[in-house]
Protein backbone atom coordinates (compact mmCIF):
# COMPACT_ATOMS: atom_id res chain seq x y z
CA MET A 1 -87.36 40.62 -0.86
CA LEU A 2 -89.09 41.82 -4.01
CA PRO A 3 -87.56 40.50 -7.25
CA PHE A 4 -85.33 42.83 -9.24
CA ALA A 5 -87.85 43.18 -12.09
CA LEU A 6 -90.54 44.44 -9.71
CA GLN A 7 -88.26 46.85 -7.88
CA ALA A 8 -86.87 48.10 -11.18
CA VAL A 9 -90.29 49.43 -12.17
CA SER A 10 -91.19 50.81 -8.73
CA GLU A 11 -90.88 54.55 -8.27
CA CYS A 12 -88.27 54.85 -5.54
CA PRO A 13 -86.75 51.67 -4.06
CA ALA A 14 -84.02 51.97 -1.47
CA HIS A 15 -80.50 51.69 -2.89
CA ALA A 16 -79.71 48.62 -0.80
CA ASP A 17 -83.00 46.86 -1.59
CA LEU A 18 -82.44 47.10 -5.33
CA ALA A 19 -78.76 46.19 -5.02
CA LEU A 20 -79.61 43.06 -3.04
CA ALA A 21 -82.30 42.10 -5.55
CA LEU A 22 -79.71 42.56 -8.30
CA GLY A 23 -77.38 40.16 -6.52
CA ALA A 24 -80.15 37.58 -6.20
CA GLU A 25 -80.36 37.51 -10.00
CA PHE A 26 -76.82 36.14 -10.16
CA GLU A 27 -76.93 33.70 -7.24
CA PRO A 28 -79.08 32.68 -4.25
CA LEU A 29 -78.53 34.89 -1.21
CA ASP A 30 -79.57 35.09 2.42
CA ALA A 31 -81.52 38.34 2.71
CA ASP A 32 -81.80 37.98 6.49
CA GLU A 33 -78.02 37.71 6.83
CA ALA A 34 -77.53 40.85 4.73
CA ASP A 35 -80.18 42.67 6.75
CA ALA A 36 -78.47 41.72 10.01
CA GLU A 37 -75.12 43.05 8.76
CA LEU A 38 -76.72 46.36 7.81
CA ASP A 39 -78.49 46.55 11.16
CA ALA A 40 -75.20 45.97 12.97
CA LEU A 41 -73.56 48.83 11.11
CA ALA A 42 -76.57 51.08 11.69
CA GLY A 43 -76.24 50.38 15.42
CA GLU A 44 -72.78 51.93 15.34
CA LEU A 45 -74.28 55.16 13.98
CA MET A 46 -76.83 55.71 16.74
CA ASP A 47 -74.69 58.32 18.49
CA LEU A 48 -74.64 60.39 15.29
CA ARG A 49 -78.40 60.84 15.08
CA HIS A 50 -78.33 64.32 16.63
CA ALA A 51 -74.97 65.45 15.26
CA ALA A 52 -74.53 68.21 12.68
CA PRO A 53 -74.74 67.13 9.00
CA ARG A 54 -70.97 67.42 8.46
CA GLU A 55 -70.24 65.19 11.45
CA GLN A 56 -72.91 62.72 10.33
CA LEU A 57 -71.39 62.51 6.86
CA LEU A 58 -67.86 62.06 8.17
CA GLY A 59 -68.97 59.64 10.88
CA CYS A 60 -70.95 57.39 8.55
CA ALA A 61 -68.13 57.27 6.01
CA ALA A 62 -65.63 56.49 8.77
CA ALA A 63 -67.81 53.71 10.23
CA VAL A 64 -68.00 51.99 6.85
CA ALA A 65 -64.25 52.44 6.24
CA GLU A 66 -63.48 50.95 9.64
CA ARG A 67 -65.60 47.85 9.06
CA PHE A 68 -64.98 47.35 5.33
CA THR A 69 -61.90 47.26 3.12
CA THR A 70 -62.18 49.24 -0.10
CA VAL A 71 -61.10 47.08 -3.02
CA ALA A 72 -59.49 48.81 -5.99
CA THR A 73 -60.62 47.74 -9.45
CA PRO A 74 -58.26 44.91 -10.38
CA GLN A 75 -56.32 44.95 -13.63
CA ARG A 76 -56.65 41.19 -13.89
CA ILE A 77 -59.72 39.37 -12.62
CA ALA A 78 -59.94 35.71 -11.71
CA ARG A 79 -63.07 34.08 -13.11
CA ASP A 80 -64.46 33.22 -9.66
CA CYS A 81 -63.89 36.74 -8.26
CA VAL A 82 -65.66 38.90 -10.85
CA LEU A 83 -68.63 39.59 -8.60
CA ASP A 84 -67.00 39.54 -5.16
CA ASP A 85 -66.58 43.28 -4.72
CA LEU A 86 -69.70 44.37 -6.64
CA LEU A 87 -72.61 42.28 -5.35
CA LEU A 88 -73.86 43.83 -2.13
CA HIS A 89 -74.51 40.59 -0.24
CA ARG A 90 -70.98 39.37 -0.98
CA VAL A 91 -69.54 42.70 0.14
CA LEU A 92 -71.46 42.49 3.41
CA ARG A 93 -70.30 38.92 3.97
CA ARG A 94 -66.64 39.58 3.15
CA ASN A 95 -66.37 43.05 4.73
CA ALA A 96 -64.70 44.24 1.54
CA GLY A 97 -65.87 45.70 -1.71
CA HIS A 98 -65.73 48.26 -4.47
CA ALA A 99 -66.44 51.86 -3.45
CA LEU A 100 -69.81 51.80 -5.24
CA PRO A 101 -71.52 49.13 -3.09
CA LEU A 102 -69.75 50.53 -0.02
CA THR A 103 -71.44 53.87 -0.70
CA VAL A 104 -74.75 52.00 -0.86
CA VAL A 105 -73.91 50.40 2.50
CA ALA A 106 -73.34 53.83 4.06
CA VAL A 107 -76.59 55.22 2.66
CA GLU A 108 -78.61 52.29 3.96
CA ALA A 109 -77.03 52.25 7.41
CA GLY A 110 -77.69 55.97 7.71
CA ARG A 111 -81.28 55.57 6.53
CA ARG A 112 -81.94 53.03 9.27
CA VAL A 113 -81.09 55.55 11.98
CA GLY A 114 -82.65 58.57 10.29
CA ILE A 115 -79.54 60.13 8.74
CA PRO A 116 -80.48 61.43 5.25
CA LEU A 117 -77.55 60.28 3.16
CA GLY A 118 -77.59 59.80 -0.57
CA ILE A 119 -75.33 59.37 -3.56
CA VAL A 120 -74.29 62.08 -5.99
CA GLY A 121 -72.18 61.69 -9.05
CA ARG A 122 -71.65 61.80 -12.76
CA GLY A 123 -70.43 59.06 -15.06
CA ARG A 124 -68.17 56.75 -13.10
CA GLU A 125 -67.70 59.20 -10.21
CA GLN A 126 -69.98 58.59 -7.22
CA TYR A 127 -69.81 60.10 -3.76
CA LEU A 128 -71.60 59.85 -0.43
CA ALA A 129 -73.54 63.04 0.28
CA HIS A 130 -75.79 64.42 3.03
CA ALA A 131 -79.14 65.88 2.01
CA ALA A 132 -79.01 68.54 4.75
CA PHE A 133 -75.37 69.59 4.31
CA ALA A 134 -75.39 72.94 2.52
CA ASP A 135 -71.69 72.94 1.62
CA PRO A 136 -70.71 71.10 -1.59
CA HIS A 137 -68.58 68.58 0.32
CA VAL A 138 -68.98 64.83 -0.12
CA ALA A 139 -67.22 61.67 1.00
CA ASP A 140 -65.37 59.42 -1.42
CA MET A 141 -65.55 55.81 -0.23
CA ALA A 142 -62.59 55.00 -2.46
CA GLN A 143 -60.50 57.35 -0.32
CA PRO A 144 -62.19 57.41 3.09
CA GLY A 145 -61.13 59.78 5.82
CA ARG A 146 -61.55 63.13 4.11
CA LEU A 147 -64.24 65.16 2.40
CA VAL A 148 -64.07 66.11 -1.27
CA ASP A 149 -65.01 69.67 -2.24
CA LEU A 150 -67.24 69.71 -5.31
CA GLY A 151 -67.46 73.50 -5.26
CA GLY A 152 -67.80 74.82 -8.79
CA ARG A 153 -68.95 71.42 -10.05
CA GLU A 154 -72.45 71.45 -8.61
CA ASP A 155 -73.98 71.60 -12.10
CA GLU A 156 -71.96 68.58 -13.22
CA VAL A 157 -73.14 66.13 -10.57
CA GLY A 158 -76.60 65.09 -9.44
CA TRP A 159 -78.36 62.84 -6.97
CA GLN A 160 -78.25 59.21 -8.06
CA CYS A 161 -81.33 57.09 -7.43
CA ALA A 162 -81.30 53.33 -6.85
CA HIS A 163 -82.05 52.67 -10.52
CA GLN A 164 -79.01 54.65 -11.62
CA LEU A 165 -76.78 52.85 -9.12
CA ALA A 166 -78.08 49.48 -10.29
CA ALA A 167 -77.23 50.45 -13.87
CA LEU A 168 -73.70 51.41 -12.82
CA LEU A 169 -73.22 48.09 -11.03
CA LEU A 170 -74.54 46.16 -14.03
CA ASN A 171 -72.23 48.12 -16.35
CA ARG A 172 -69.21 47.09 -14.30
CA ILE A 173 -70.36 43.47 -14.09
CA ALA A 174 -70.85 43.36 -17.86
CA GLU A 175 -67.44 44.93 -18.54
CA ARG A 176 -65.64 42.47 -16.28
CA ALA A 177 -67.59 39.47 -17.57
CA GLU A 178 -66.61 40.30 -21.13
CA ARG A 179 -62.97 40.77 -20.09
CA ILE A 180 -62.81 37.19 -18.84
CA GLY A 181 -65.00 35.79 -21.62
CA ASN A 182 -68.04 34.98 -19.45
CA VAL A 183 -70.68 35.80 -22.03
CA THR A 184 -73.44 34.36 -19.82
CA TRP A 185 -72.89 36.95 -17.09
CA ALA A 186 -72.41 39.72 -19.65
CA LEU A 187 -75.70 38.75 -21.31
CA GLN A 188 -77.49 38.58 -17.96
CA ALA A 189 -76.24 42.04 -16.99
CA ALA A 190 -77.30 43.47 -20.36
CA GLU A 191 -80.77 41.99 -20.01
CA LEU A 192 -81.21 43.25 -16.44
CA ARG A 193 -80.27 46.79 -17.49
CA LEU A 194 -83.27 46.85 -19.82
CA ALA A 195 -85.60 46.33 -16.85
CA LEU A 196 -84.57 49.73 -15.49
CA PRO A 197 -86.41 52.96 -16.35
CA VAL A 198 -84.23 54.91 -18.80
CA GLY A 199 -84.72 57.45 -21.56
CA GLU A 200 -85.31 56.47 -25.16
CA GLU A 201 -81.75 57.18 -26.29
CA ALA A 202 -80.24 55.17 -23.41
CA ARG A 203 -82.66 52.29 -24.06
CA GLU A 204 -81.68 52.14 -27.72
CA ARG A 205 -78.02 52.05 -26.71
CA MET A 206 -78.69 49.25 -24.18
CA GLU A 207 -80.63 47.25 -26.77
CA ARG A 208 -77.77 47.54 -29.25
CA ASP A 209 -75.36 46.36 -26.56
CA LEU A 210 -77.62 43.41 -25.75
CA GLN A 211 -77.72 42.38 -29.40
CA ARG A 212 -73.94 42.66 -29.59
CA VAL A 213 -73.51 40.35 -26.60
CA ARG A 214 -76.09 37.90 -27.90
CA ALA A 215 -74.21 37.73 -31.19
CA ARG A 216 -71.15 36.44 -29.31
CA LEU A 217 -73.11 33.34 -28.34
CA ASN A 218 -73.56 32.36 -32.00
């Protein structure tokens, strides 16, 4: 597995590859174990390879929902559980996680059997989408079992690459770490964000945030 810093500067890493590399920055992980879990899920999607895009989208979302429990963002977070539902390898091991890494799971499982899934979104809204599905319908892994109609909002949402998803995960990790007073994790998340390719305005904002977190250590 390539380190996060190397994948962060590569042009187009897979969502799952970058998410796993992100997790390895916080703790040691077994990449082979994570790969086996993703392969097992992909095996359940084999029958969908020749289905229509709508059925593929629904089927992939349903397969993830059946295997994994979607964890709502907790109001109060125990110190030892901050990362449980956000780090992809922990999600794969526990069969439970936040909708964001579960969407990554669906994309990767689909990719392994040739189903062109991706992630679309804006801000804190992310959805599972099918590249060949012409209708503006997507799946919400926070509420599996139905499709969400984004009709009329097409200009508001866009495809989210692995770098954007990594930034979203790091944002949530940083927010939670600061809520429980774990400045070390908050600082680590802020530093990792700066490895990602972003525009000048976003980089300046990230650098200011990093300085703010560093100041809390003094």
